[in-house]
Amino acid sequence: MYIRVDTPALRIEQKRALARALTDTVLHALKMPESRRSWWTVQFVSFDLQDLAIGGVLGVDPGKVDYYLTVSAPGLRRDQKEALARELTHAIAAQLAIPNEQLYRINLRFCDYNQEDVAVGGQIVSHLAA
């Protein structure tokens, strides 16, 4: 399972703290045991603010920074997606000091996949122990 975080460049300390916070948040929101921590990957993808426009305005212009999270996990129910959306939004806001009135700048996308279409360590995921 995977979280891709598209952001302007972050310092290494921010990435460490954010990776931990997002993983903790997912485990909490989905009520997963600590033993499943290693099942989650967080990837940071940095973009240059001049390479992103929102509403026709470049990100380098004041007030136009948005953050994008893609959560890839199989079979999430609507209530799980709602919990993740709420909790991940607040986790990233807390880590990056985004004020509550600008939470709309944090966007999440959920991607479902068939566990038969993914392999880890040479084994189809659906065959791994639950």
N, C-alpha and C. Protein backbone atom coordinates (compact mmCIF):
# COMPACT_ATOMS: atom_id res chain seq x y z
N MET A 1 0.85 -1.15 0.00
CA MET A 1 0.00 0.00 0.00
C MET A 1 0.91 1.22 0.00
N TYR A 2 0.38 2.31 -0.51
CA TYR A 2 1.27 3.35 -0.97
C TYR A 2 0.63 4.72 -0.82
N ILE A 3 1.43 5.68 -0.37
CA ILE A 3 1.00 7.08 -0.36
C ILE A 3 2.04 7.87 -1.15
N ARG A 4 1.59 8.54 -2.18
CA ARG A 4 2.46 9.43 -2.95
C ARG A 4 2.11 10.85 -2.52
N VAL A 5 3.14 11.62 -2.17
CA VAL A 5 2.95 12.99 -1.71
C VAL A 5 3.63 13.92 -2.70
N ASP A 6 2.83 14.68 -3.45
CA ASP A 6 3.36 15.65 -4.39
C ASP A 6 3.34 17.02 -3.71
N THR A 7 4.54 17.59 -3.54
CA THR A 7 4.67 18.87 -2.83
C THR A 7 5.80 19.68 -3.45
N PRO A 8 5.82 20.96 -3.14
CA PRO A 8 7.05 21.71 -3.41
C PRO A 8 8.17 21.06 -2.59
N ALA A 9 9.40 21.36 -2.91
CA ALA A 9 10.54 20.75 -2.23
C ALA A 9 10.42 20.88 -0.71
N LEU A 10 10.72 19.78 -0.01
CA LEU A 10 10.72 19.74 1.45
C LEU A 10 12.13 19.42 1.94
N ARG A 11 12.44 19.89 3.13
CA ARG A 11 13.72 19.54 3.76
C ARG A 11 13.65 18.08 4.23
N ILE A 12 14.79 17.44 4.36
CA ILE A 12 14.85 16.06 4.79
C ILE A 12 14.17 15.84 6.14
N GLU A 13 14.31 16.80 7.06
CA GLU A 13 13.67 16.68 8.37
C GLU A 13 12.14 16.68 8.23
N GLN A 14 11.64 17.51 7.31
CA GLN A 14 10.19 17.56 7.07
C GLN A 14 9.71 16.23 6.50
N LYS A 15 10.49 15.67 5.59
CA LYS A 15 10.10 14.38 4.98
C LYS A 15 10.07 13.27 6.03
N ARG A 16 11.07 13.24 6.89
CA ARG A 16 11.09 12.22 7.95
C ARG A 16 9.86 12.32 8.84
N ALA A 17 9.59 13.55 9.30
CA ALA A 17 8.45 13.76 10.19
C ALA A 17 7.14 13.47 9.49
N LEU A 18 7.02 13.88 8.24
CA LEU A 18 5.79 13.67 7.49
C LEU A 18 5.57 12.19 7.18
N ALA A 19 6.63 11.48 6.81
CA ALA A 19 6.51 10.04 6.54
C ALA A 19 6.01 9.31 7.78
N ARG A 20 6.56 9.65 8.92
CA ARG A 20 6.14 9.01 10.18
C ARG A 20 4.70 9.38 10.51
N ALA A 21 4.36 10.65 10.39
CA ALA A 21 3.01 11.11 10.72
C ALA A 21 1.97 10.48 9.80
N LEU A 22 2.25 10.42 8.51
CA LEU A 22 1.29 9.85 7.57
C LEU A 22 1.11 8.35 7.81
N THR A 23 2.20 7.65 8.07
CA THR A 23 2.10 6.22 8.36
C THR A 23 1.33 5.97 9.65
N ASP A 24 1.65 6.73 10.69
CA ASP A 24 0.91 6.62 11.96
C ASP A 24 -0.57 6.88 11.73
N THR A 25 -0.87 7.88 10.93
CA THR A 25 -2.26 8.26 10.67
C THR A 25 -3.02 7.16 9.94
N VAL A 26 -2.39 6.54 8.96
CA VAL A 26 -3.03 5.46 8.21
C VAL A 26 -3.31 4.28 9.14
N LEU A 27 -2.33 3.90 9.93
CA LEU A 27 -2.54 2.78 10.86
C LEU A 27 -3.69 3.07 11.81
N HIS A 28 -3.75 4.30 12.32
CA HIS A 28 -4.83 4.68 13.23
C HIS A 28 -6.18 4.70 12.52
N ALA A 29 -6.25 5.38 11.39
CA ALA A 29 -7.53 5.55 10.68
C ALA A 29 -8.11 4.21 10.22
N LEU A 30 -7.24 3.30 9.82
CA LEU A 30 -7.70 2.00 9.32
C LEU A 30 -7.70 0.92 10.40
N LYS A 31 -7.35 1.33 11.63
CA LYS A 31 -7.31 0.41 12.77
C LYS A 31 -6.44 -0.81 12.46
N MET A 32 -5.27 -0.53 11.89
CA MET A 32 -4.32 -1.59 11.54
C MET A 32 -3.32 -1.76 12.68
N PRO A 33 -2.87 -2.98 12.90
CA PRO A 33 -1.88 -3.21 13.96
C PRO A 33 -0.51 -2.65 13.56
N GLU A 34 0.30 -2.38 14.55
CA GLU A 34 1.66 -1.88 14.33
C GLU A 34 2.46 -2.80 13.40
N SER A 35 2.16 -4.07 13.43
CA SER A 35 2.88 -5.03 12.58
C SER A 35 2.68 -4.77 11.09
N ARG A 36 1.68 -3.96 10.75
CA ARG A 36 1.42 -3.63 9.33
C ARG A 36 2.12 -2.35 8.89
N ARG A 37 2.89 -1.72 9.77
CA ARG A 37 3.58 -0.47 9.43
C ARG A 37 4.41 -0.62 8.17
N SER A 38 5.12 -1.72 8.04
CA SER A 38 6.01 -1.90 6.88
C SER A 38 5.23 -2.17 5.60
N TRP A 39 3.95 -2.33 5.68
CA TRP A 39 3.13 -2.53 4.48
C TRP A 39 2.89 -1.21 3.75
N TRP A 40 3.18 -0.08 4.40
CA TRP A 40 2.92 1.23 3.82
C TRP A 40 4.19 1.90 3.36
N THR A 41 4.17 2.39 2.15
CA THR A 41 5.28 3.14 1.55
C THR A 41 4.82 4.57 1.35
N VAL A 42 5.67 5.52 1.70
CA VAL A 42 5.41 6.94 1.42
C VAL A 42 6.48 7.40 0.45
N GLN A 43 6.05 7.95 -0.69
CA GLN A 43 6.99 8.48 -1.67
C GLN A 43 6.75 9.98 -1.82
N PHE A 44 7.83 10.74 -1.74
CA PHE A 44 7.75 12.19 -1.93
C PHE A 44 8.16 12.52 -3.35
N VAL A 45 7.32 13.28 -4.02
CA VAL A 45 7.61 13.74 -5.37
C VAL A 45 7.55 15.26 -5.34
N SER A 46 8.71 15.88 -5.51
CA SER A 46 8.78 17.34 -5.45
C SER A 46 8.51 17.95 -6.82
N PHE A 47 7.85 19.09 -6.80
CA PHE A 47 7.65 19.82 -8.04
C PHE A 47 8.10 21.26 -7.83
N ASP A 48 8.53 21.87 -8.90
CA ASP A 48 8.93 23.28 -8.87
C ASP A 48 7.65 24.11 -9.01
N LEU A 49 7.50 25.11 -8.20
CA LEU A 49 6.28 25.92 -8.21
C LEU A 49 6.01 26.57 -9.56
N GLN A 50 7.02 26.76 -10.38
CA GLN A 50 6.79 27.33 -11.71
C GLN A 50 6.24 26.28 -12.68
N ASP A 51 6.21 25.02 -12.26
CA ASP A 51 5.73 23.95 -13.12
C ASP A 51 4.29 23.52 -12.80
N LEU A 52 3.61 24.28 -11.98
CA LEU A 52 2.23 23.96 -11.60
C LEU A 52 1.39 25.22 -11.63
N ALA A 53 0.25 25.14 -12.26
CA ALA A 53 -0.69 26.27 -12.28
C ALA A 53 -2.03 25.80 -11.73
N ILE A 54 -2.66 26.66 -10.96
CA ILE A 54 -3.98 26.39 -10.42
C ILE A 54 -4.88 27.54 -10.85
N GLY A 55 -5.94 27.22 -11.55
CA GLY A 55 -6.82 28.27 -12.04
C GLY A 55 -6.13 29.22 -12.99
N GLY A 56 -5.11 28.72 -13.68
CA GLY A 56 -4.38 29.54 -14.63
C GLY A 56 -3.31 30.42 -14.01
N VAL A 57 -3.07 30.26 -12.71
CA VAL A 57 -2.07 31.06 -12.00
C VAL A 57 -0.94 30.14 -11.54
N LEU A 58 0.29 30.50 -11.87
CA LEU A 58 1.43 29.67 -11.49
C LEU A 58 1.59 29.58 -9.98
N GLY A 59 2.11 28.45 -9.53
CA GLY A 59 2.35 28.22 -8.12
C GLY A 59 3.33 29.18 -7.49
N VAL A 60 4.19 29.80 -8.30
CA VAL A 60 5.15 30.76 -7.74
C VAL A 60 4.46 32.03 -7.27
N ASP A 61 3.23 32.25 -7.71
CA ASP A 61 2.49 33.42 -7.28
C ASP A 61 1.95 33.17 -5.86
N PRO A 62 1.92 34.19 -5.03
CA PRO A 62 1.52 34.01 -3.62
C PRO A 62 0.16 33.32 -3.46
N GLY A 63 0.11 32.41 -2.47
CA GLY A 63 -1.15 31.77 -2.12
C GLY A 63 -1.60 30.66 -3.05
N LYS A 64 -0.71 30.17 -3.91
CA LYS A 64 -1.13 29.16 -4.88
C LYS A 64 -0.44 27.82 -4.70
N VAL A 65 0.01 27.49 -3.50
CA VAL A 65 0.65 26.20 -3.26
C VAL A 65 -0.40 25.18 -2.84
N ASP A 66 -0.48 24.09 -3.57
CA ASP A 66 -1.36 22.99 -3.21
C ASP A 66 -0.52 21.74 -2.97
N TYR A 67 -1.09 20.81 -2.23
CA TYR A 67 -0.43 19.55 -1.89
C TYR A 67 -1.34 18.42 -2.34
N TYR A 68 -0.75 17.37 -2.89
CA TYR A 68 -1.51 16.27 -3.46
C TYR A 68 -1.06 14.95 -2.85
N LEU A 69 -2.00 14.20 -2.33
CA LEU A 69 -1.71 12.87 -1.81
C LEU A 69 -2.51 11.86 -2.63
N THR A 70 -1.84 10.82 -3.08
CA THR A 70 -2.50 9.70 -3.73
C THR A 70 -2.35 8.51 -2.82
N VAL A 71 -3.46 7.94 -2.40
CA VAL A 71 -3.45 6.77 -1.52
C VAL A 71 -3.87 5.57 -2.35
N SER A 72 -2.95 4.64 -2.52
CA SER A 72 -3.23 3.41 -3.27
C SER A 72 -3.36 2.26 -2.27
N ALA A 73 -4.54 1.70 -2.21
CA ALA A 73 -4.82 0.58 -1.30
C ALA A 73 -6.02 -0.17 -1.84
N PRO A 74 -6.00 -1.49 -1.73
CA PRO A 74 -7.11 -2.28 -2.26
C PRO A 74 -8.32 -2.29 -1.33
N GLY A 75 -9.49 -2.17 -1.93
CA GLY A 75 -10.74 -2.42 -1.23
C GLY A 75 -11.12 -1.52 -0.08
N LEU A 76 -10.72 -0.26 -0.11
CA LEU A 76 -11.13 0.64 0.97
C LEU A 76 -12.62 0.94 0.86
N ARG A 77 -13.31 0.86 1.98
CA ARG A 77 -14.72 1.22 2.03
C ARG A 77 -14.85 2.74 2.10
N ARG A 78 -16.05 3.23 1.84
CA ARG A 78 -16.29 4.68 1.88
C ARG A 78 -15.96 5.26 3.25
N ASP A 79 -16.36 4.59 4.33
CA ASP A 79 -16.07 5.12 5.67
C ASP A 79 -14.57 5.16 5.94
N GLN A 80 -13.82 4.20 5.41
CA GLN A 80 -12.37 4.22 5.56
C GLN A 80 -11.75 5.37 4.77
N LYS A 81 -12.26 5.61 3.57
CA LYS A 81 -11.77 6.73 2.76
C LYS A 81 -12.07 8.06 3.45
N GLU A 82 -13.26 8.17 4.02
CA GLU A 82 -13.61 9.41 4.73
C GLU A 82 -12.69 9.63 5.93
N ALA A 83 -12.42 8.57 6.68
CA ALA A 83 -11.53 8.69 7.84
C ALA A 83 -10.12 9.06 7.39
N LEU A 84 -9.64 8.41 6.33
CA LEU A 84 -8.31 8.73 5.81
C LEU A 84 -8.24 10.16 5.29
N ALA A 85 -9.24 10.58 4.55
CA ALA A 85 -9.25 11.95 4.01
C ALA A 85 -9.17 12.96 5.14
N ARG A 86 -9.97 12.77 6.14
CA ARG A 86 -10.01 13.70 7.27
C ARG A 86 -8.68 13.68 8.05
N GLU A 87 -8.24 12.49 8.41
CA GLU A 87 -7.05 12.38 9.27
C GLU A 87 -5.75 12.70 8.53
N LEU A 88 -5.63 12.27 7.27
CA LEU A 88 -4.42 12.60 6.52
C LEU A 88 -4.33 14.10 6.23
N THR A 89 -5.47 14.72 5.96
CA THR A 89 -5.48 16.17 5.74
C THR A 89 -4.96 16.89 6.97
N HIS A 90 -5.45 16.50 8.13
CA HIS A 90 -5.01 17.16 9.37
C HIS A 90 -3.56 16.84 9.70
N ALA A 91 -3.11 15.63 9.37
CA ALA A 91 -1.71 15.27 9.64
C ALA A 91 -0.75 16.10 8.79
N ILE A 92 -1.05 16.22 7.50
CA ILE A 92 -0.15 17.00 6.64
C ILE A 92 -0.23 18.48 6.99
N ALA A 93 -1.41 18.96 7.35
CA ALA A 93 -1.54 20.37 7.76
C ALA A 93 -0.72 20.65 9.00
N ALA A 94 -0.76 19.75 9.97
CA ALA A 94 0.00 19.95 11.20
C ALA A 94 1.50 19.94 10.91
N GLN A 95 1.95 19.01 10.09
CA GLN A 95 3.38 18.90 9.80
C GLN A 95 3.92 20.06 8.98
N LEU A 96 3.09 20.61 8.08
CA LEU A 96 3.55 21.68 7.20
C LEU A 96 3.01 23.05 7.60
N ALA A 97 2.40 23.14 8.78
CA ALA A 97 1.89 24.41 9.32
C ALA A 97 0.91 25.09 8.35
N ILE A 98 0.00 24.30 7.82
CA ILE A 98 -1.04 24.83 6.93
C ILE A 98 -2.24 25.19 7.82
N PRO A 99 -2.67 26.45 7.81
CA PRO A 99 -3.79 26.84 8.69
C PRO A 99 -5.11 26.19 8.26
N ASN A 100 -6.00 26.04 9.23
CA ASN A 100 -7.30 25.39 8.97
C ASN A 100 -8.07 26.03 7.82
N GLU A 101 -7.97 27.35 7.69
CA GLU A 101 -8.72 28.01 6.62
C GLU A 101 -8.13 27.72 5.24
N GLN A 102 -7.00 27.02 5.18
CA GLN A 102 -6.41 26.67 3.89
C GLN A 102 -6.34 25.16 3.67
N LEU A 103 -7.12 24.40 4.41
CA LEU A 103 -7.13 22.94 4.24
C LEU A 103 -7.55 22.53 2.83
N TYR A 104 -8.28 23.41 2.14
CA TYR A 104 -8.69 23.11 0.77
C TYR A 104 -7.49 22.96 -0.16
N ARG A 105 -6.33 23.37 0.28
CA ARG A 105 -5.11 23.23 -0.53
C ARG A 105 -4.53 21.82 -0.48
N ILE A 106 -5.11 20.96 0.34
CA ILE A 106 -4.65 19.57 0.47
C ILE A 106 -5.66 18.68 -0.25
N ASN A 107 -5.19 18.00 -1.28
CA ASN A 107 -6.05 17.19 -2.13
C ASN A 107 -5.66 15.72 -2.02
N LEU A 108 -6.65 14.85 -1.88
CA LEU A 108 -6.40 13.41 -1.82
C LEU A 108 -7.11 12.70 -2.96
N ARG A 109 -6.45 11.68 -3.45
CA ARG A 109 -7.04 10.82 -4.49
C ARG A 109 -6.83 9.38 -4.04
N PHE A 110 -7.88 8.59 -4.10
CA PHE A 110 -7.79 7.18 -3.72
C PHE A 110 -7.73 6.33 -4.97
N CYS A 111 -6.81 5.40 -4.98
CA CYS A 111 -6.66 4.47 -6.10
C CYS A 111 -6.80 3.05 -5.57
N ASP A 112 -7.80 2.37 -6.06
CA ASP A 112 -8.02 0.98 -5.70
C ASP A 112 -7.23 0.12 -6.68
N TYR A 113 -6.85 -1.05 -6.26
CA TYR A 113 -6.21 -1.99 -7.18
C TYR A 113 -6.54 -3.41 -6.75
N ASN A 114 -6.46 -4.30 -7.71
CA ASN A 114 -6.69 -5.71 -7.47
C ASN A 114 -5.40 -6.31 -6.93
N GLN A 115 -5.47 -7.00 -5.81
CA GLN A 115 -4.27 -7.58 -5.20
C GLN A 115 -3.64 -8.64 -6.09
N GLU A 116 -4.36 -9.13 -7.06
CA GLU A 116 -3.79 -10.08 -8.03
C GLU A 116 -2.86 -9.38 -9.01
N ASP A 117 -2.90 -8.04 -9.06
CA ASP A 117 -2.11 -7.27 -10.01
C ASP A 117 -0.82 -6.71 -9.41
N VAL A 118 -0.52 -7.07 -8.16
CA VAL A 118 0.65 -6.52 -7.48
C VAL A 118 1.44 -7.67 -6.85
N ALA A 119 2.77 -7.60 -6.99
CA ALA A 119 3.64 -8.59 -6.35
C ALA A 119 4.65 -7.89 -5.46
N VAL A 120 4.98 -8.52 -4.35
CA VAL A 120 6.00 -8.02 -3.43
C VAL A 120 6.92 -9.20 -3.12
N GLY A 121 8.20 -8.99 -3.30
CA GLY A 121 9.15 -10.06 -3.01
C GLY A 121 8.92 -11.30 -3.84
N GLY A 122 8.39 -11.10 -5.04
CA GLY A 122 8.15 -12.24 -5.93
C GLY A 122 6.85 -12.98 -5.68
N GLN A 123 6.02 -12.48 -4.78
CA GLN A 123 4.75 -13.14 -4.48
C GLN A 123 3.59 -12.20 -4.76
N ILE A 124 2.56 -12.73 -5.38
CA ILE A 124 1.34 -11.96 -5.60
C ILE A 124 0.79 -11.58 -4.22
N VAL A 125 0.42 -10.31 -4.08
CA VAL A 125 0.01 -9.78 -2.78
C VAL A 125 -1.16 -10.57 -2.17
N SER A 126 -2.09 -10.97 -2.99
CA SER A 126 -3.26 -11.69 -2.46
C SER A 126 -2.85 -13.02 -1.82
N HIS A 127 -1.65 -13.52 -2.12
CA HIS A 127 -1.20 -14.80 -1.58
C HIS A 127 -0.40 -14.62 -0.29
N LEU A 128 -0.04 -13.38 0.04
CA LEU A 128 0.71 -13.13 1.26
C LEU A 128 -0.21 -13.31 2.47
N ALA A 129 0.36 -13.65 3.58
CA ALA A 129 -0.44 -13.85 4.80
C ALA A 129 -1.12 -12.57 5.20
N ALA A 130 -2.36 -12.67 5.62
CA ALA A 130 -3.12 -11.50 6.05
C ALA A 130 -2.71 -11.06 7.43
